Amino acid sequence: MTLPAPRPTPWQTGTGLDPARTALVVVDVLGGPNPVAEPLRDMAANAVRLVRAARAAGVPVVFACDAHRPGTDLELTLWGEHSMRGTPDSQPLDAFEAGEGDYIIPKRRYDAFFGTDLDITLRELGRDTLVVVGFDTNICVLHTLAGAYFLGYRTIVPADATATLLIGTQEGGLEYFSRCYDTRVVTTDDVLAALA
């Protein structure tokens, strides 16, 4: 069986995002005051730039943060203890200066929509387009994009504001969700220009 060649959808060839309908979702860029690991520094720096620009443009900022419960979460059997609830590793990086105007959504699975109030929060804010950034491109970012697609959201991913270390390649992840979830893959500068 031969599958059809990928073809750009009207969304992917459109003119860009509308700040009045957009939210920025930051997935698992965590650590509170802890330093960012070297391979993730550029991703984190771009995410910080996007958060500041989103706030300036009146775009809601949502931090989707791993916040695992000891002894119960399935992820812990695969990855060991990480981002445990109540620790700095379950909080947004201090560099984001997360405040009362932001939304922090704790999550216990890869998909930031699964078992959380992310969907209802976005709908109450009147947002149907998501700029999604964070870590790991091929795990939590990818599964959050799947959740968004299944719920009818349009998604945009600035490739240089995501990163992968744990599985697969950055290019493979970007290709997968561009093709399978109709995600528009852009750069941080593209989004900054649209928000300006």
Protein backbone atom coordinates (compact mmCIF):
# COMPACT_ATOMS: atom_id res chain seq x y z
CA MET A 1 0.00 0.00 0.00
CA THR A 2 1.35 3.43 -0.95
CA LEU A 3 0.42 6.34 1.26
CA PRO A 4 -0.18 9.76 -0.24
CA ALA A 5 2.64 12.27 0.01
CA PRO A 6 2.25 14.82 2.82
CA ARG A 7 0.48 17.92 1.64
CA PRO A 8 0.35 21.23 3.51
CA THR A 9 -3.02 21.89 5.08
CA PRO A 10 -4.65 25.34 4.84
CA TRP A 11 -3.66 25.88 8.47
CA GLN A 12 0.03 25.16 7.80
CA THR A 13 0.10 27.59 4.89
CA GLY A 14 -1.98 30.27 6.62
CA THR A 15 -0.87 33.70 7.72
CA GLY A 16 -0.02 32.97 11.35
CA LEU A 17 -1.41 33.09 14.84
CA ASP A 18 -4.02 35.44 16.25
CA PRO A 19 -2.89 36.57 19.74
CA ALA A 20 -6.53 36.98 20.81
CA ARG A 21 -7.13 33.24 20.27
CA THR A 22 -3.72 31.92 21.36
CA ALA A 23 -2.20 30.58 24.56
CA LEU A 24 1.42 29.65 25.23
CA VAL A 25 1.83 26.21 26.84
CA VAL A 26 5.21 25.51 28.44
CA VAL A 27 5.68 21.77 28.98
CA ASP A 28 8.08 20.54 31.66
CA VAL A 29 10.66 23.33 31.66
CA LEU A 30 11.18 22.76 35.35
CA GLY A 31 13.60 23.14 38.20
CA GLY A 32 12.68 26.27 40.13
CA PRO A 33 16.05 27.80 41.10
CA ASN A 34 18.08 24.84 39.81
CA PRO A 35 20.35 25.37 36.79
CA VAL A 36 19.27 24.03 33.42
CA ALA A 37 21.30 21.13 32.03
CA GLU A 38 23.70 22.22 29.27
CA PRO A 39 21.88 20.50 26.35
CA LEU A 40 18.62 22.25 27.33
CA ARG A 41 19.89 25.80 27.84
CA ASP A 42 19.05 27.16 24.38
CA MET A 43 15.57 25.62 24.54
CA ALA A 44 14.96 27.11 27.98
CA ALA A 45 16.29 30.55 26.97
CA ASN A 46 13.95 30.62 23.95
CA ALA A 47 11.04 29.52 26.11
CA VAL A 48 11.75 32.40 28.52
CA ARG A 49 11.79 34.87 25.60
CA LEU A 50 8.43 33.53 24.42
CA VAL A 51 6.88 33.73 27.88
CA ARG A 52 7.89 37.38 28.22
CA ALA A 53 6.57 38.23 24.76
CA ALA A 54 3.31 36.38 25.37
CA ARG A 55 2.65 38.29 28.58
CA ALA A 56 3.42 41.60 26.84
CA ALA A 57 0.92 40.68 24.08
CA GLY A 58 -1.80 39.65 26.54
CA VAL A 59 -1.47 35.96 25.60
CA PRO A 60 -2.11 33.61 28.54
CA VAL A 61 0.89 31.57 29.70
CA VAL A 62 0.24 28.04 30.94
CA PHE A 63 2.93 25.97 32.64
CA ALA A 64 2.20 22.23 32.37
CA CYS A 65 4.44 20.72 35.03
CA ASP A 66 5.21 17.13 35.93
CA ALA A 67 4.22 16.76 39.59
CA HIS A 68 4.40 13.07 40.44
CA ARG A 69 3.07 11.31 43.52
CA PRO A 70 5.47 8.90 45.19
CA GLY A 71 4.67 5.23 44.66
CA THR A 72 1.64 5.71 42.40
CA ASP A 73 2.47 7.27 39.03
CA LEU A 74 3.10 4.96 36.09
CA GLU A 75 5.92 7.12 34.76
CA LEU A 76 7.98 6.41 37.86
CA THR A 77 8.21 2.72 36.95
CA LEU A 78 9.82 3.67 33.62
CA TRP A 79 11.90 6.71 34.50
CA GLY A 80 12.43 6.51 38.25
CA GLU A 81 11.58 9.35 40.61
CA HIS A 82 11.62 12.76 38.94
CA SER A 83 9.69 15.99 39.29
CA MET A 84 8.07 14.87 42.52
CA ARG A 85 5.15 16.97 43.73
CA GLY A 86 6.20 19.73 46.13
CA THR A 87 9.86 19.80 45.03
CA PRO A 88 11.59 22.50 42.96
CA ASP A 89 11.81 19.92 40.15
CA SER A 90 8.01 20.15 39.77
CA GLN A 91 7.98 23.96 39.50
CA PRO A 92 8.61 26.22 36.48
CA LEU A 93 12.15 27.56 36.21
CA ASP A 94 12.62 30.71 38.26
CA ALA A 95 13.73 32.48 35.06
CA PHE A 96 10.07 32.47 33.92
CA GLU A 97 9.07 34.55 36.94
CA ALA A 98 5.75 32.70 37.03
CA GLY A 99 3.15 34.84 38.76
CA GLU A 100 -0.51 35.26 39.55
CA GLY A 101 -1.38 36.06 35.95
CA ASP A 102 -0.06 32.69 34.77
CA TYR A 103 -1.63 29.26 34.99
CA ILE A 104 0.21 26.30 36.51
CA ILE A 105 -1.25 22.91 35.62
CA PRO A 106 0.26 19.93 37.49
CA LYS A 107 0.29 16.75 35.44
CA ARG A 108 1.04 13.10 36.18
CA ARG A 109 1.21 11.75 32.62
CA TYR A 110 3.03 12.77 29.44
CA ASP A 111 -0.07 14.46 27.93
CA ALA A 112 -0.77 17.74 29.72
CA PHE A 113 -4.49 17.32 28.93
CA PHE A 114 -4.87 13.87 30.48
CA GLY A 115 -6.49 14.06 33.92
CA THR A 116 -5.90 17.82 34.28
CA ASP A 117 -7.99 20.96 33.88
CA LEU A 118 -5.92 22.27 30.96
CA ASP A 119 -8.72 21.88 28.40
CA ILE A 120 -11.39 23.63 30.48
CA THR A 121 -8.94 26.42 31.37
CA LEU A 122 -8.14 27.08 27.70
CA ARG A 123 -11.81 26.97 26.70
CA GLU A 124 -12.77 29.40 29.48
CA LEU A 125 -10.03 31.71 28.20
CA GLY A 126 -11.46 31.44 24.66
CA ARG A 127 -8.24 29.99 23.21
CA ASP A 128 -8.19 27.55 20.29
CA THR A 129 -4.59 27.94 19.13
CA LEU A 130 -1.64 26.81 21.22
CA VAL A 131 2.04 27.63 20.97
CA VAL A 132 3.67 24.65 22.67
CA VAL A 133 7.28 24.63 23.88
CA GLY A 134 9.33 22.49 26.23
CA PHE A 135 10.92 19.16 26.95
CA ASP A 136 11.08 16.32 25.85
CA THR A 137 10.07 16.85 22.21
CA ASN A 138 9.34 13.15 21.69
CA ILE A 139 7.58 12.46 24.98
CA CYS A 140 5.61 15.12 26.85
CA VAL A 141 5.55 17.70 24.06
CA LEU A 142 4.49 15.10 21.48
CA HIS A 143 1.78 13.60 23.70
CA THR A 144 0.47 17.04 24.65
CA LEU A 145 0.22 17.88 20.95
CA ALA A 146 -1.68 14.62 20.40
CA GLY A 147 -4.10 15.58 23.19
CA ALA A 148 -4.53 19.04 21.68
CA TYR A 149 -5.19 17.60 18.21
CA PHE A 150 -7.79 15.15 19.48
CA LEU A 151 -9.56 18.03 21.27
CA GLY A 152 -9.60 20.24 18.16
CA TYR A 153 -6.86 22.77 18.97
CA ARG A 154 -4.51 24.20 16.37
CA THR A 155 -0.89 23.95 17.44
CA ILE A 156 2.33 25.78 16.69
CA VAL A 157 5.76 24.57 17.84
CA PRO A 158 8.83 26.79 17.74
CA ALA A 159 11.39 24.05 17.04
CA ASP A 160 14.21 25.88 18.83
CA ALA A 161 12.11 26.18 22.00
CA THR A 162 11.80 22.39 22.32
CA ALA A 163 14.47 19.78 22.94
CA THR A 164 14.90 16.04 23.15
CA LEU A 165 17.44 14.04 25.12
CA LEU A 166 15.63 10.89 26.16
CA ILE A 167 14.41 9.17 22.99
CA GLY A 168 14.47 9.70 19.23
CA THR A 169 15.69 12.72 17.34
CA GLN A 170 14.53 16.31 17.33
CA GLU A 171 13.95 16.18 13.57
CA GLY A 172 11.92 12.96 13.85
CA GLY A 173 9.66 14.44 16.51
CA LEU A 174 9.05 17.64 14.56
CA GLU A 175 8.24 15.68 11.41
CA TYR A 176 5.90 13.35 13.28
CA PHE A 177 3.67 15.95 14.84
CA SER A 178 3.76 18.20 11.80
CA ARG A 179 2.40 15.33 9.71
CA CYS A 180 0.18 13.54 12.23
CA TYR A 181 -1.19 16.45 14.29
CA ASP A 182 -1.14 19.24 11.70
CA THR A 183 1.26 21.20 13.91
CA ARG A 184 2.89 24.23 12.35
CA VAL A 185 6.64 24.03 13.03
CA VAL A 186 8.28 27.47 13.15
CA THR A 187 11.07 29.28 15.01
CA THR A 188 11.03 31.32 18.19
CA ASP A 189 11.66 34.45 16.12
CA ASP A 190 8.59 33.67 13.96
CA VAL A 191 6.38 33.60 17.05
CA LEU A 192 8.00 36.69 18.54
CA ALA A 193 7.29 38.58 15.32
CA ALA A 194 3.65 37.46 15.35
CA LEU A 195 3.27 38.61 18.96
CA ALA A 196 4.97 41.97 18.48
